[in-house]
Amino acid sequence: MYFRLIPYICILLTFHLLIVIFAFEGKVNLEKKFIRLKWGVGRLIAECSQLPIVLPLWHIGMDNILPNHRPYIPRVFQKLTVAVGDPIDLSFLTSNKTSSSNAVSSCRSTYIIIYINGTELICA
């Protein structure tokens, strides 16, 4: 189902609408370990007709506000850390858009760059 959404999301990104993708997780991370990036994010960016602005975000502490165990009662006045990185430069993709044989390469390159920027944000 989610693969059918990629063309629609590309259209939204062309109009510079905000799309929030939790690329490092798709589930609750109870172990608080680093989870691999979803490769579909690289594909999504590589398939857009215009390069979107990619802004890495990382948050820590949501489990203190809304616990992952019973009772599921929100707690107020808890610490929440939100880290916002610099926009990721993806200008190298414009030269690769002319050849369809570079599509997989573009997805992988985008994936690697977002992964590196995300891990730098987490470790900072």
Protein backbone atom coordinates (compact mmCIF):
# COMPACT_ATOMS: atom_id res chain seq x y z
CA MET A 1 0.00 0.00 0.00
CA TYR A 2 2.69 2.51 0.91
CA PHE A 3 4.38 2.16 -2.48
CA ARG A 4 1.21 3.51 -4.09
CA LEU A 5 1.57 6.65 -1.98
CA ILE A 6 5.03 7.60 -3.27
CA PRO A 7 3.80 9.38 -6.47
CA TYR A 8 1.21 11.28 -4.41
CA ILE A 9 3.81 12.33 -1.82
CA CYS A 10 6.15 13.45 -4.63
CA ILE A 11 3.39 15.75 -5.91
CA LEU A 12 2.92 17.20 -2.42
CA LEU A 13 6.67 17.77 -2.10
CA THR A 14 6.72 19.53 -5.48
CA PHE A 15 4.35 22.11 -3.99
CA HIS A 16 6.66 22.43 -0.95
CA LEU A 17 4.12 21.02 1.47
CA LEU A 18 5.33 19.65 4.78
CA ILE A 19 5.64 15.88 4.90
CA VAL A 20 6.78 14.29 8.16
CA ILE A 21 8.37 10.86 7.82
CA PHE A 22 9.70 8.94 10.76
CA ALA A 23 12.50 7.42 8.73
CA PHE A 24 14.41 5.81 11.57
CA GLU A 25 11.46 4.07 13.16
CA GLY A 26 8.12 2.69 12.28
CA LYS A 27 7.41 1.26 15.66
CA VAL A 28 7.91 2.03 19.31
CA ASN A 29 11.59 1.68 20.14
CA LEU A 30 11.43 0.12 23.61
CA GLU A 31 15.14 -0.80 23.68
CA LYS A 32 16.16 2.77 22.73
CA LYS A 33 18.64 1.38 20.20
CA PHE A 34 19.46 2.98 16.89
CA ILE A 35 17.18 1.50 14.22
CA ARG A 36 18.18 1.40 10.56
CA LEU A 37 16.81 4.03 8.21
CA LYS A 38 14.00 3.00 5.90
CA TRP A 39 15.33 2.88 2.35
CA GLY A 40 12.01 4.12 0.94
CA VAL A 41 12.94 7.64 2.08
CA GLY A 42 15.85 7.63 -0.37
CA ARG A 43 13.58 6.34 -3.11
CA LEU A 44 10.96 8.98 -2.36
CA ILE A 45 13.46 11.82 -2.61
CA ALA A 46 15.13 10.39 -5.73
CA GLU A 47 11.78 10.12 -7.53
CA CYS A 48 10.64 13.70 -6.87
CA SER A 49 10.68 16.05 -9.85
CA GLN A 50 11.97 18.87 -7.62
CA LEU A 51 14.40 18.38 -4.77
CA PRO A 52 12.61 18.68 -1.43
CA ILE A 53 14.15 20.29 1.62
CA VAL A 54 15.11 17.52 4.01
CA LEU A 55 15.38 18.61 7.62
CA PRO A 56 16.52 15.94 10.07
CA LEU A 57 14.73 15.87 13.44
CA TRP A 58 15.36 13.66 16.45
CA HIS A 59 13.36 13.55 19.66
CA ILE A 60 14.09 11.79 22.92
CA GLY A 61 11.81 11.54 25.94
CA MET A 62 8.36 10.90 24.50
CA ASP A 63 8.23 7.69 26.54
CA ASN A 64 8.48 9.82 29.68
CA ILE A 65 5.46 11.86 28.60
CA LEU A 66 3.37 8.93 27.37
CA PRO A 67 4.70 5.67 28.83
CA ASN A 68 4.84 2.46 26.82
CA HIS A 69 3.33 0.47 29.68
CA ARG A 70 0.12 0.48 31.67
CA PRO A 71 -1.38 2.75 32.81
CA TYR A 72 -1.20 4.78 29.59
CA ILE A 73 -1.68 8.11 31.31
CA PRO A 74 0.14 11.17 29.92
CA ARG A 75 2.58 12.73 32.37
CA VAL A 76 3.10 16.48 32.39
CA PHE A 77 6.28 18.45 33.12
CA GLN A 78 8.59 15.72 31.78
CA LYS A 79 11.83 16.39 29.90
CA LEU A 80 11.60 16.20 26.11
CA THR A 81 14.64 16.81 23.92
CA VAL A 82 14.16 17.77 20.27
CA ALA A 83 17.22 18.15 18.03
CA VAL A 84 16.86 19.88 14.66
CA GLY A 85 19.68 19.56 12.15
CA ASP A 86 20.64 21.69 9.19
CA PRO A 87 18.89 21.05 5.87
CA ILE A 88 20.61 18.24 3.98
CA ASP A 89 22.20 19.22 0.67
CA LEU A 90 20.89 16.87 -2.03
CA SER A 91 21.95 18.95 -5.03
CA PHE A 92 24.06 16.07 -6.37
CA LEU A 93 20.81 14.35 -7.35
CA THR A 94 19.98 16.89 -10.08
CA SER A 95 22.84 15.62 -12.26
CA ASN A 96 21.76 11.99 -11.83
CA LYS A 97 18.12 12.56 -12.84
CA THR A 98 18.86 12.42 -16.57
CA SER A 99 19.68 8.71 -16.64
CA SER A 100 17.22 6.07 -15.53
CA SER A 101 20.09 3.64 -14.91
CA ASN A 102 21.21 5.88 -12.07
CA ALA A 103 17.89 5.59 -10.21
CA VAL A 104 19.05 2.84 -7.87
CA SER A 105 22.35 4.64 -7.35
CA SER A 106 20.51 7.86 -6.51
CA CYS A 107 18.30 6.07 -3.98
CA ARG A 108 21.31 4.49 -2.31
CA SER A 109 23.29 7.74 -2.27
CA THR A 110 20.34 9.63 -0.79
CA TYR A 111 19.82 6.90 1.78
CA ILE A 112 23.48 7.04 2.85
CA ILE A 113 23.55 10.85 3.12
CA ILE A 114 20.35 10.99 5.19
CA TYR A 115 21.60 8.15 7.37
CA ILE A 116 24.90 9.94 8.05
CA ASN A 117 23.17 13.26 8.80
CA GLY A 118 20.69 11.54 11.08
CA THR A 119 23.36 9.72 13.06
CA GLU A 120 25.41 12.93 13.40
CA LEU A 121 22.32 14.65 14.80
CA ILE A 122 21.74 11.86 17.30
CA CYS A 123 25.36 11.74 18.45
CA ALA A 124 25.67 15.53 18.80
